[in-house]
PDB file of N, CA and C in Angstrom:
ATOM      1  N   UNK A   1      22.441  10.756  -1.857  1.00  0.00           N
ATOM      2  CA  UNK A   1      21.157  10.424  -2.449  1.00  0.00           C
ATOM      3  C   UNK A   1      20.496  11.662  -3.042  1.00  0.00           C
ATOM      4  N   UNK A   2      21.023  12.856  -2.702  1.00  0.00           N
ATOM      5  CA  UNK A   2      20.503  14.073  -3.293  1.00  0.00           C
ATOM      6  C   UNK A   2      19.129  14.427  -2.786  1.00  0.00           C
ATOM      7  N   UNK A   3      18.314  14.953  -3.698  1.00  0.00           N
ATOM      8  CA  UNK A   3      16.976  15.383  -3.299  1.00  0.00           C
ATOM      9  C   UNK A   3      15.896  14.417  -3.765  1.00  0.00           C
ATOM     10  N   UNK A   4      16.238  13.145  -3.911  1.00  0.00           N
ATOM     11  CA  UNK A   4      15.271  12.131  -4.303  1.00  0.00           C
ATOM     12  C   UNK A   4      14.247  11.942  -3.193  1.00  0.00           C
ATOM     13  N   UNK A   5      12.988  11.974  -3.556  1.00  0.00           N
ATOM     14  CA  UNK A   5      11.924  11.780  -2.573  1.00  0.00           C
ATOM     15  C   UNK A   5      11.676  10.298  -2.357  1.00  0.00           C
ATOM     16  N   UNK A   6      11.395   9.965  -1.115  1.00  0.00           N
ATOM     17  CA  UNK A   6      11.073   8.582  -0.757  1.00  0.00           C
ATOM     18  C   UNK A   6       9.769   8.603   0.035  1.00  0.00           C
ATOM     19  N   UNK A   7       8.858   7.728  -0.343  1.00  0.00           N
ATOM     20  CA  UNK A   7       7.552   7.650   0.311  1.00  0.00           C
ATOM     21  C   UNK A   7       7.369   6.290   0.959  1.00  0.00           C
ATOM     22  N   UNK A   8       6.755   6.308   2.153  1.00  0.00           N
ATOM     23  CA  UNK A   8       6.341   5.070   2.824  1.00  0.00           C
ATOM     24  C   UNK A   8       4.826   5.008   2.660  1.00  0.00           C
ATOM     25  N   UNK A   9       4.351   3.947   2.013  1.00  0.00           N
ATOM     26  CA  UNK A   9       2.927   3.761   1.754  1.00  0.00           C
ATOM     27  C   UNK A   9       2.437   2.616   2.622  1.00  0.00           C
ATOM     28  N   UNK A  10       1.448   2.890   3.444  1.00  0.00           N
ATOM     29  CA  UNK A  10       0.866   1.876   4.316  1.00  0.00           C
ATOM     30  C   UNK A  10      -0.570   1.649   3.857  1.00  0.00           C
ATOM     31  N   UNK A  11      -0.908   0.386   3.579  1.00  0.00           N
ATOM     32  CA  UNK A  11      -2.245   0.083   3.081  1.00  0.00           C
ATOM     33  C   UNK A  11      -2.678  -1.317   3.507  1.00  0.00           C
ATOM     34  N   UNK A  12      -3.984  -1.542   3.456  1.00  0.00           N
ATOM     35  CA  UNK A  12      -4.558  -2.844   3.791  1.00  0.00           C
ATOM     36  C   UNK A  12      -4.691  -3.682   2.528  1.00  0.00           C
ATOM     37  N   UNK A  13      -4.385  -4.980   2.662  1.00  0.00           N
ATOM     38  CA  UNK A  13      -4.559  -5.915   1.561  1.00  0.00           C
ATOM     39  C   UNK A  13      -4.939  -7.267   2.148  1.00  0.00           C
ATOM     40  N   UNK A  14      -6.149  -7.696   1.917  1.00  0.00           N
ATOM     41  CA  UNK A  14      -6.666  -8.980   2.371  1.00  0.00           C
ATOM     42  C   UNK A  14      -6.415  -9.207   3.865  1.00  0.00           C
ATOM     43  N   UNK A  15      -6.765  -8.212   4.684  1.00  0.00           N
ATOM     44  CA  UNK A  15      -6.682  -8.343   6.137  1.00  0.00           C
ATOM     45  C   UNK A  15      -5.299  -8.129   6.726  1.00  0.00           C
ATOM     46  N   UNK A  16      -4.331  -7.775   5.890  1.00  0.00           N
ATOM     47  CA  UNK A  16      -2.974  -7.533   6.373  1.00  0.00           C
ATOM     48  C   UNK A  16      -2.580  -6.094   6.056  1.00  0.00           C
ATOM     49  N   UNK A  17      -1.675  -5.553   6.867  1.00  0.00           N
ATOM     50  CA  UNK A  17      -1.177  -4.201   6.658  1.00  0.00           C
ATOM     51  C   UNK A  17       0.164  -4.304   5.937  1.00  0.00           C
ATOM     52  N   UNK A  18       0.238  -3.701   4.773  1.00  0.00           N
ATOM     53  CA  UNK A  18       1.461  -3.668   3.975  1.00  0.00           C
ATOM     54  C   UNK A  18       2.125  -2.313   4.177  1.00  0.00           C
ATOM     55  N   UNK A  19       3.438  -2.319   4.295  1.00  0.00           N
ATOM     56  CA  UNK A  19       4.218  -1.089   4.357  1.00  0.00           C
ATOM     57  C   UNK A  19       5.313  -1.206   3.304  1.00  0.00           C
ATOM     58  N   UNK A  20       5.224  -0.364   2.281  1.00  0.00           N
ATOM     59  CA  UNK A  20       6.196  -0.404   1.196  1.00  0.00           C
ATOM     60  C   UNK A  20       6.807   0.980   1.012  1.00  0.00           C
ATOM     61  N   UNK A  21       7.957   1.014   0.348  1.00  0.00           N
ATOM     62  CA  UNK A  21       8.648   2.271   0.063  1.00  0.00           C
ATOM     63  C   UNK A  21       8.763   2.429  -1.441  1.00  0.00           C
ATOM     64  N   UNK A  22       8.631   3.685  -1.909  1.00  0.00           N
ATOM     65  CA  UNK A  22       8.699   3.950  -3.338  1.00  0.00           C
ATOM     66  C   UNK A  22       9.225   5.356  -3.591  1.00  0.00           C
ATOM     67  N   UNK A  23       9.719   5.563  -4.800  1.00  0.00           N
ATOM     68  CA  UNK A  23      10.232   6.880  -5.184  1.00  0.00           C
ATOM     69  C   UNK A  23       9.177   7.754  -5.835  1.00  0.00           C
ATOM     70  N   UNK A  24       8.073   7.159  -6.272  1.00  0.00           N
ATOM     71  CA  UNK A  24       7.072   7.934  -6.980  1.00  0.00           C
ATOM     72  C   UNK A  24       5.674   7.465  -6.595  1.00  0.00           C
ATOM     73  N   UNK A  25       4.863   8.398  -6.108  1.00  0.00           N
ATOM     74  CA  UNK A  25       3.485   8.103  -5.722  1.00  0.00           C
ATOM     75  C   UNK A  25       2.613   9.239  -6.242  1.00  0.00           C
ATOM     76  N   UNK A  26       1.480   8.892  -6.805  1.00  0.00           N
ATOM     77  CA  UNK A  26       0.582   9.936  -7.284  1.00  0.00           C
ATOM     78  C   UNK A  26      -0.782   9.378  -7.628  1.00  0.00           C
ATOM     79  N   UNK A  27      -1.663  10.294  -7.983  1.00  0.00           N
ATOM     80  CA  UNK A  27      -2.987   9.888  -8.415  1.00  0.00           C
ATOM     81  C   UNK A  27      -2.875   9.448  -9.855  1.00  0.00           C
ATOM     82  N   UNK A  28      -3.218   8.213 -10.112  1.00  0.00           N
ATOM     83  CA  UNK A  28      -3.099   7.663 -11.454  1.00  0.00           C
ATOM     84  C   UNK A  28      -4.286   8.019 -12.325  1.00  0.00           C
ATOM     85  N   UNK A  29      -4.285   7.464 -13.512  1.00  0.00           N
ATOM     86  CA  UNK A  29      -5.369   7.706 -14.456  1.00  0.00           C
ATOM     87  C   UNK A  29      -6.626   6.909 -14.112  1.00  0.00           C
ATOM     88  N   UNK A  30      -6.454   5.839 -13.342  1.00  0.00           N
ATOM     89  CA  UNK A  30      -7.615   5.033 -12.951  1.00  0.00           C
ATOM     90  C   UNK A  30      -8.285   5.681 -11.747  1.00  0.00           C
ATOM     91  N   UNK A  31      -9.565   5.899 -11.854  1.00  0.00           N
ATOM     92  CA  UNK A  31     -10.328   6.550 -10.793  1.00  0.00           C
ATOM     93  C   UNK A  31     -10.263   5.735  -9.504  1.00  0.00           C
ATOM     94  N   UNK A  32     -10.025   6.409  -8.384  1.00  0.00           N
ATOM     95  CA  UNK A  32     -10.025   5.833  -7.033  1.00  0.00           C
ATOM     96  C   UNK A  32      -8.841   4.908  -6.760  1.00  0.00           C
ATOM     97  N   UNK A  33      -7.755   5.083  -7.491  1.00  0.00           N
ATOM     98  CA  UNK A  33      -6.528   4.325  -7.252  1.00  0.00           C
ATOM     99  C   UNK A  33      -5.354   5.296  -7.148  1.00  0.00           C
ATOM    100  N   UNK A  34      -4.377   4.949  -6.285  1.00  0.00           N
ATOM    101  CA  UNK A  34      -3.129   5.687  -6.315  1.00  0.00           C
ATOM    102  C   UNK A  34      -2.129   4.835  -7.085  1.00  0.00           C
ATOM    103  N   UNK A  35      -1.222   5.505  -7.742  1.00  0.00           N
ATOM    104  CA  UNK A  35      -0.226   4.840  -8.565  1.00  0.00           C
ATOM    105  C   UNK A  35       1.111   4.898  -7.842  1.00  0.00           C
ATOM    106  N   UNK A  36       1.753   3.746  -7.681  1.00  0.00           N
ATOM    107  CA  UNK A  36       3.028   3.653  -6.968  1.00  0.00           C
ATOM    108  C   UNK A  36       4.058   3.066  -7.929  1.00  0.00           C
ATOM    109  N   UNK A  37       5.168   3.799  -8.108  1.00  0.00           N
ATOM    110  CA  UNK A  37       6.224   3.359  -9.024  1.00  0.00           C
ATOM    111  C   UNK A  37       7.566   3.347  -8.304  1.00  0.00           C
ATOM    112  N   UNK A  38       8.490   2.593  -8.868  1.00  0.00           N
ATOM    113  CA  UNK A  38       9.858   2.527  -8.388  1.00  0.00           C
ATOM    114  C   UNK A  38       9.915   2.097  -6.914  1.00  0.00           C
ATOM    115  N   UNK A  39       9.437   0.882  -6.672  1.00  0.00           N
ATOM    116  CA  UNK A  39       9.462   0.333  -5.313  1.00  0.00           C
ATOM    117  C   UNK A  39      10.899   0.195  -4.829  1.00  0.00           C
ATOM    118  N   UNK A  40      11.103   0.436  -3.544  1.00  0.00           N
ATOM    119  CA  UNK A  40      12.434   0.365  -2.938  1.00  0.00           C
ATOM    120  C   UNK A  40      12.416  -0.728  -1.882  1.00  0.00           C
ATOM    121  N   UNK A  41      13.398  -1.622  -1.955  1.00  0.00           N
ATOM    122  CA  UNK A  41      13.543  -2.662  -0.945  1.00  0.00           C
ATOM    123  C   UNK A  41      14.891  -2.488  -0.285  1.00  0.00           C
ATOM    124  N   UNK A  42      14.968  -2.807   1.019  1.00  0.00           N
ATOM    125  CA  UNK A  42      16.217  -2.682   1.763  1.00  0.00           C
ATOM    126  C   UNK A  42      17.258  -3.664   1.255  1.00  0.00           C
ATOM    127  N   UNK A  43      18.482  -3.357   1.534  1.00  0.00           N
ATOM    128  CA  UNK A  43      19.572  -4.258   1.166  1.00  0.00           C
ATOM    129  C   UNK A  43      19.544  -5.472   2.078  1.00  0.00           C
ATOM    130  N   UNK A  44      19.802  -6.616   1.524  1.00  0.00           N
ATOM    131  CA  UNK A  44      19.782  -7.868   2.282  1.00  0.00           C
ATOM    132  C   UNK A  44      20.983  -7.933   3.222  1.00  0.00           C
ATOM    133  N   UNK A  45      20.695  -8.183   4.474  1.00  0.00           N
ATOM    134  CA  UNK A  45      21.755  -8.323   5.472  1.00  0.00           C
ATOM    135  C   UNK A  45      22.194  -9.781   5.532  1.00  0.00           C
ATOM    136  N   UNK A  46      23.466 -10.010   5.782  1.00  0.00           N
ATOM    137  CA  UNK A  46      23.972 -11.372   5.899  1.00  0.00           C
ATOM    138  C   UNK A  46      23.534 -12.016   7.213  1.00  0.00           C
ATOM    139  N   UNK A  47      23.252 -11.184   8.221  1.00  0.00           N
ATOM    140  CA  UNK A  47      22.940 -11.702   9.552  1.00  0.00           C
ATOM    141  C   UNK A  47      21.437 -11.866   9.766  1.00  0.00           C
ATOM    142  N   UNK A  48      20.661 -10.855   9.382  1.00  0.00           N
ATOM    143  CA  UNK A  48      19.237 -10.844   9.676  1.00  0.00           C
ATOM    144  C   UNK A  48      18.438 -10.976   8.386  1.00  0.00           C
ATOM    145  N   UNK A  49      17.555 -11.945   8.326  1.00  0.00           N
ATOM    146  CA  UNK A  49      16.695 -12.130   7.163  1.00  0.00           C
ATOM    147  C   UNK A  49      15.270 -11.844   7.592  1.00  0.00           C
ATOM    148  N   UNK A  50      14.652 -10.862   6.946  1.00  0.00           N
ATOM    149  CA  UNK A  50      13.279 -10.468   7.261  1.00  0.00           C
ATOM    150  C   UNK A  50      12.345 -11.188   6.294  1.00  0.00           C
ATOM    151  N   UNK A  51      11.633 -12.191   6.778  1.00  0.00           N
ATOM    152  CA  UNK A  51      10.761 -12.980   5.910  1.00  0.00           C
ATOM    153  C   UNK A  51       9.622 -12.131   5.353  1.00  0.00           C
ATOM    154  N   UNK A  52       9.204 -11.109   6.100  1.00  0.00           N
ATOM    155  CA  UNK A  52       8.143 -10.223   5.646  1.00  0.00           C
ATOM    156  C   UNK A  52       8.591  -9.441   4.413  1.00  0.00           C
ATOM    157  N   UNK A  53       9.824  -8.920   4.441  1.00  0.00           N
ATOM    158  CA  UNK A  53      10.317  -8.177   3.279  1.00  0.00           C
ATOM    159  C   UNK A  53      10.562  -9.112   2.097  1.00  0.00           C
ATOM    160  N   UNK A  54      11.030 -10.323   2.358  1.00  0.00           N
ATOM    161  CA  UNK A  54      11.196 -11.299   1.278  1.00  0.00           C
ATOM    162  C   UNK A  54       9.857 -11.602   0.615  1.00  0.00           C
ATOM    163  N   UNK A  55       8.814 -11.696   1.407  1.00  0.00           N
ATOM    164  CA  UNK A  55       7.476 -11.947   0.878  1.00  0.00           C
ATOM    165  C   UNK A  55       7.027 -10.779  -0.018  1.00  0.00           C
ATOM    166  N   UNK A  56       7.323  -9.548   0.420  1.00  0.00           N
ATOM    167  CA  UNK A  56       7.006  -8.377  -0.397  1.00  0.00           C
ATOM    168  C   UNK A  56       7.783  -8.390  -1.712  1.00  0.00           C
ATOM    169  N   UNK A  57       9.076  -8.699  -1.633  1.00  0.00           N
ATOM    170  CA  UNK A  57       9.906  -8.742  -2.836  1.00  0.00           C
ATOM    171  C   UNK A  57       9.350  -9.751  -3.835  1.00  0.00           C
ATOM    172  N   UNK A  58       8.946 -10.912  -3.344  1.00  0.00           N
ATOM    173  CA  UNK A  58       8.384 -11.938  -4.226  1.00  0.00           C
ATOM    174  C   UNK A  58       7.048 -11.501  -4.814  1.00  0.00           C
ATOM    175  N   UNK A  59       6.220 -10.867  -3.990  1.00  0.00           N
ATOM    176  CA  UNK A  59       4.897 -10.440  -4.451  1.00  0.00           C
ATOM    177  C   UNK A  59       4.996  -9.354  -5.520  1.00  0.00           C
ATOM    178  N   UNK A  60       5.969  -8.465  -5.377  1.00  0.00           N
ATOM    179  CA  UNK A  60       6.111  -7.349  -6.310  1.00  0.00           C
ATOM    180  C   UNK A  60       7.244  -7.556  -7.321  1.00  0.00           C
ATOM    181  N   UNK A  61       7.738  -8.773  -7.434  1.00  0.00           N
ATOM    182  CA  UNK A  61       8.814  -9.074  -8.379  1.00  0.00           C
ATOM    183  C   UNK A  61       8.343  -8.781  -9.804  1.00  0.00           C
ATOM    184  N   UNK A  62       9.133  -8.005 -10.521  1.00  0.00           N
ATOM    185  CA  UNK A  62       8.803  -7.670 -11.901  1.00  0.00           C
ATOM    186  C   UNK A  62       7.750  -6.589 -12.068  1.00  0.00           C
ATOM    187  N   UNK A  63       7.262  -6.011 -10.980  1.00  0.00           N
ATOM    188  CA  UNK A  63       6.231  -4.969 -11.048  1.00  0.00           C
ATOM    189  C   UNK A  63       6.908  -3.612 -11.234  1.00  0.00           C
ATOM    190  N   UNK A  64       6.567  -2.925 -12.316  1.00  0.00           N
ATOM    191  CA  UNK A  64       7.104  -1.580 -12.545  1.00  0.00           C
ATOM    192  C   UNK A  64       6.233  -0.524 -11.885  1.00  0.00           C
ATOM    193  N   UNK A  65       4.932  -0.782 -11.882  1.00  0.00           N
ATOM    194  CA  UNK A  65       3.966   0.170 -11.335  1.00  0.00           C
ATOM    195  C   UNK A  65       2.806  -0.624 -10.762  1.00  0.00           C
ATOM    196  N   UNK A  66       2.336  -0.209  -9.592  1.00  0.00           N
ATOM    197  CA  UNK A  66       1.171  -0.870  -9.005  1.00  0.00           C
ATOM    198  C   UNK A  66       0.119   0.185  -8.696  1.00  0.00           C
ATOM    199  N   UNK A  67      -1.128  -0.232  -8.728  1.00  0.00           N
ATOM    200  CA  UNK A  67      -2.245   0.659  -8.420  1.00  0.00           C
ATOM    201  C   UNK A  67      -2.932   0.119  -7.172  1.00  0.00           C
ATOM    202  N   UNK A  68      -3.072   0.985  -6.174  1.00  0.00           N
ATOM    203  CA  UNK A  68      -3.659   0.591  -4.894  1.00  0.00           C
ATOM    204  C   UNK A  68      -4.978   1.327  -4.731  1.00  0.00           C
ATOM    205  N   UNK A  69      -6.062   0.607  -4.418  1.00  0.00           N
ATOM    206  CA  UNK A  69      -7.352   1.280  -4.225  1.00  0.00           C
ATOM    207  C   UNK A  69      -7.238   2.330  -3.116  1.00  0.00           C
ATOM    208  N   UNK A  70      -7.746   3.507  -3.377  1.00  0.00           N
ATOM    209  CA  UNK A  70      -7.621   4.624  -2.440  1.00  0.00           C
ATOM    210  C   UNK A  70      -8.242   4.292  -1.082  1.00  0.00           C
ATOM    211  N   UNK A  71      -9.307   3.502  -1.060  1.00  0.00           N
ATOM    212  CA  UNK A  71      -9.942   3.173   0.218  1.00  0.00           C
ATOM    213  C   UNK A  71      -9.110   2.191   1.049  1.00  0.00           C
ATOM    214  N   UNK A  72      -8.078   1.581   0.460  1.00  0.00           N
ATOM    215  CA  UNK A  72      -7.202   0.671   1.195  1.00  0.00           C
ATOM    216  C   UNK A  72      -6.025   1.389   1.849  1.00  0.00           C
ATOM    217  N   UNK A  73      -5.764   2.617   1.412  1.00  0.00           N
ATOM    218  CA  UNK A  73      -4.607   3.362   1.900  1.00  0.00           C
ATOM    219  C   UNK A  73      -4.858   3.864   3.320  1.00  0.00           C
ATOM    220  N   UNK A  74      -3.909   3.581   4.203  1.00  0.00           N
ATOM    221  CA  UNK A  74      -3.984   4.064   5.583  1.00  0.00           C
ATOM    222  C   UNK A  74      -3.272   5.405   5.674  1.00  0.00           C
ATOM    223  N   UNK A  75      -2.058   5.488   5.087  1.00  0.00           N
ATOM    224  CA  UNK A  75      -1.328   6.756   5.075  1.00  0.00           C
ATOM    225  C   UNK A  75      -0.174   6.681   4.094  1.00  0.00           C
ATOM    226  N   UNK A  76       0.268   7.856   3.682  1.00  0.00           N
ATOM    227  CA  UNK A  76       1.441   7.997   2.822  1.00  0.00           C
ATOM    228  C   UNK A  76       2.317   9.058   3.458  1.00  0.00           C
ATOM    229  N   UNK A  77       3.560   8.705   3.755  1.00  0.00           N
ATOM    230  CA  UNK A  77       4.497   9.627   4.400  1.00  0.00           C
ATOM    231  C   UNK A  77       5.704   9.833   3.501  1.00  0.00           C
ATOM    232  N   UNK A  78       6.175  11.080   3.409  1.00  0.00           N
ATOM    233  CA  UNK A  78       7.459  11.336   2.769  1.00  0.00           C
ATOM    234  C   UNK A  78       8.500  11.189   3.868  1.00  0.00           C
ATOM    235  N   UNK A  79       9.505  10.340   3.650  1.00  0.00           N
ATOM    236  CA  UNK A  79      10.489  10.024   4.684  1.00  0.00           C
ATOM    237  C   UNK A  79      11.900  10.354   4.202  1.00  0.00           C
ATOM    238  N   UNK A  80      12.839  10.424   5.146  1.00  0.00           N
ATOM    239  CA  UNK A  80      14.226  10.746   4.817  1.00  0.00           C
ATOM    240  C   UNK A  80      14.937   9.597   4.118  1.00  0.00           C
ATOM    241  N   UNK A  81      14.608   8.371   4.523  1.00  0.00           N
ATOM    242  CA  UNK A  81      15.251   7.207   3.901  1.00  0.00           C
ATOM    243  C   UNK A  81      14.314   6.008   3.966  1.00  0.00           C
ATOM    244  N   UNK A  82      14.558   5.077   3.066  1.00  0.00           N
ATOM    245  CA  UNK A  82      13.732   3.874   3.002  1.00  0.00           C
ATOM    246  C   UNK A  82      14.113   2.926   4.124  1.00  0.00           C
ATOM    247  N   UNK A  83      13.126   2.283   4.678  1.00  0.00           N
ATOM    248  CA  UNK A  83      13.344   1.242   5.667  1.00  0.00           C
ATOM    249  C   UNK A  83      13.005  -0.099   5.047  1.00  0.00           C
ATOM    250  N   UNK A  84      12.901  -1.083   5.871  1.00  0.00           N
ATOM    251  CA  UNK A  84      12.522  -2.414   5.389  1.00  0.00           C
ATOM    252  C   UNK A  84      11.009  -2.471   5.245  1.00  0.00           C
ATOM    253  N   UNK A  85      10.556  -2.892   4.090  1.00  0.00           N
ATOM    254  CA  UNK A  85       9.132  -3.093   3.894  1.00  0.00           C
ATOM    255  C   UNK A  85       8.670  -4.259   4.753  1.00  0.00           C
ATOM    256  N   UNK A  86       7.377  -4.269   5.061  1.00  0.00           N
ATOM    257  CA  UNK A  86       6.887  -5.372   5.890  1.00  0.00           C
ATOM    258  C   UNK A  86       5.406  -5.601   5.676  1.00  0.00           C
ATOM    259  N   UNK A  87       4.986  -6.763   6.094  1.00  0.00           N
ATOM    260  CA  UNK A  87       3.576  -7.151   6.097  1.00  0.00           C
ATOM    261  C   UNK A  87       3.271  -7.607   7.509  1.00  0.00           C
ATOM    262  N   UNK A  88       2.182  -7.095   8.072  1.00  0.00           N
ATOM    263  CA  UNK A  88       1.798  -7.528   9.411  1.00  0.00           C
ATOM    264  C   UNK A  88       0.292  -7.740   9.469  1.00  0.00           C
ATOM    265  N   UNK A  89      -0.122  -8.489  10.448  1.00  0.00           N
ATOM    266  CA  UNK A  89      -1.525  -8.780  10.646  1.00  0.00           C
ATOM    267  C   UNK A  89      -2.254  -7.496  10.990  1.00  0.00           C
ATOM    268  N   UNK A  90      -3.363  -7.238  10.325  1.00  0.00           N
ATOM    269  CA  UNK A  90      -4.097  -5.998  10.537  1.00  0.00           C
ATOM    270  C   UNK A  90      -5.252  -6.098  11.502  1.00  0.00           C
ATOM    271  N   UNK A  91      -5.470  -7.247  12.098  1.00  0.00           N
ATOM    272  CA  UNK A  91      -6.616  -7.421  12.990  1.00  0.00           C
ATOM    273  C   UNK A  91      -6.491  -6.554  14.232  1.00  0.00           C
ATOM    274  N   UNK A  92      -7.516  -5.756  14.476  1.00  0.00           N
ATOM    275  CA  UNK A  92      -7.592  -4.971  15.698  1.00  0.00           C
ATOM    276  C   UNK A  92      -6.707  -3.741  15.737  1.00  0.00           C
ATOM    277  N   UNK A  93      -5.891  -3.524  14.726  1.00  0.00           N
ATOM    278  CA  UNK A  93      -4.974  -2.389  14.753  1.00  0.00           C
ATOM    279  C   UNK A  93      -5.412  -1.265  13.829  1.00  0.00           C
ATOM    280  N   UNK A  94      -6.147  -1.603  12.796  1.00  0.00           N
ATOM    281  CA  UNK A  94      -6.536  -0.608  11.817  1.00  0.00           C
ATOM    282  C   UNK A  94      -8.014  -0.768  11.531  1.00  0.00           C
ATOM    283  N   UNK A  95      -8.734   0.344  11.541  1.00  0.00           N
ATOM    284  CA  UNK A  95     -10.142   0.262  11.198  1.00  0.00           C
ATOM    285  C   UNK A  95     -10.338   0.772   9.780  1.00  0.00           C
ATOM    286  N   UNK A  96     -11.308   0.220   9.113  1.00  0.00           N
ATOM    287  CA  UNK A  96     -11.584   0.583   7.728  1.00  0.00           C
ATOM    288  C   UNK A  96     -12.088   2.005   7.642  1.00  0.00           C
ATOM    289  N   UNK A  97     -11.815   2.633   6.516  1.00  0.00           N
ATOM    290  CA  UNK A  97     -12.313   3.972   6.261  1.00  0.00           C
ATOM    291  C   UNK A  97     -13.824   3.893   6.134  1.00  0.00           C
ATOM    292  N   UNK A  98     -14.559   4.766   6.814  1.00  0.00           N
ATOM    293  CA  UNK A  98     -16.025   4.677   6.734  1.00  0.00           C
ATOM    294  C   UNK A  98     -16.505   4.957   5.313  1.00  0.00           C
ATOM    295  N   UNK A  99     -17.306   4.067   4.800  1.00  0.00           N
ATOM    296  CA  UNK A  99     -17.842   4.209   3.448  1.00  0.00           C
ATOM    297  C   UNK A  99     -19.366   4.262   3.546  1.00  0.00           C
ATOM    298  N   UNK A 100     -20.003   5.155   2.821  1.00  0.00           N
ATOM    299  CA  UNK A 100     -21.472   5.191   2.859  1.00  0.00           C
ATOM    300  C   UNK A 100     -22.039   3.928   2.225  1.00  0.00           C
ATOM    301  N   UNK A 101     -23.079   3.420   2.802  1.00  0.00           N
ATOM    302  CA  UNK A 101     -23.727   2.234   2.251  1.00  0.00           C
ATOM    303  C   UNK A 101     -24.804   2.682   1.274  1.00  0.00           C
ATOM    304  N   UNK A 102     -24.558   2.448   0.021  1.00  0.00           N
ATOM    305  CA  UNK A 102     -25.506   2.819  -1.015  1.00  0.00           C
ATOM    306  C   UNK A 102     -25.931   1.540  -1.707  1.00  0.00           C
ATOM    307  N   UNK A 103     -27.182   1.231  -1.588  1.00  0.00           N
ATOM    308  CA  UNK A 103     -27.691   0.013  -2.209  1.00  0.00           C
ATOM    309  C   UNK A 103     -28.029   0.241  -3.668  1.00  0.00           C
ATOM    310  N   UNK A 104     -28.202  -0.835  -4.406  1.00  0.00           N
ATOM    311  CA  UNK A 104     -28.582  -0.687  -5.810  1.00  0.00           C
ATOM    312  C   UNK A 104     -29.982  -0.095  -5.911  1.00  0.00           C
ATOM    313  N   UNK A 105     -30.166   0.721  -6.893  1.00  0.00           N
ATOM    314  CA  UNK A 105     -31.489   1.333  -7.080  1.00  0.00           C
ATOM    315  C   UNK A 105     -32.377   0.375  -7.866  1.00  0.00           C
ATOM    316  N   UNK A 106     -33.511   0.118  -7.338  1.00  0.00           N
ATOM    317  CA  UNK A 106     -34.461  -0.772  -7.997  1.00  0.00           C
ATOM    318  C   UNK A 106     -35.853  -0.181  -7.898  1.00  0.00           C
ATOM    319  N   UNK A 107     -36.854  -0.931  -8.250  1.00  0.00           N
ATOM    320  CA  UNK A 107     -38.221  -0.421  -8.146  1.00  0.00           C
ATOM    321  C   UNK A 107     -38.549  -0.096  -6.685  1.00  0.00           C
ATOM    322  N   UNK A 108     -39.267   0.965  -6.509  1.00  0.00           N
ATOM    323  CA  UNK A 108     -39.626   1.381  -5.142  1.00  0.00           C
ATOM    324  C   UNK A 108     -40.489   0.303  -4.499  1.00  0.00           C
ATOM    325  N   UNK A 109     -40.217   0.070  -3.222  1.00  0.00           N
ATOM    326  CA  UNK A 109     -40.948  -0.925  -2.451  1.00  0.00           C
ATOM    327  C   UNK A 109     -42.355  -0.428  -2.187  1.00  0.00           C
ATOM    328  N   UNK A 110     -43.323  -1.155  -2.632  1.00  0.00           N
ATOM    329  CA  UNK A 110     -44.724  -0.761  -2.410  1.00  0.00           C
ATOM    330  C   UNK A 110     -45.270  -1.546  -1.233  1.00  0.00           C
ATOM    331  N   UNK A 111     -45.501  -0.847  -0.152  1.00  0.00           N
ATOM    332  CA  UNK A 111     -46.018  -1.516   1.039  1.00  0.00           C
ATOM    333  C   UNK A 111     -47.436  -1.132   1.297  1.00  0.00           C
TER     334      UNK A 111
END
């Protein structure tokens, strides 16, 4: 495989934790998004079928590049080899990144 880099990207999407593998990850041109290209999926085994990875393959079918909101990213790891991508329930396992609460600016409240 040479010196090809492989990244494991873990992020939240609609209450679920996604774990995907890709060859290229970086800060894209869109503000507050990371850009993920060249997704890697494990080879299909004749004995074991991972429905979670099949769901990922279907969701990302035909996608050349995806943009993930930076606040959804849990971690990005450079790994030795790609594993099986998966989707798992995120309840109680991952807490959201703290975001400051900034309300819309309007006329000052006169009390």
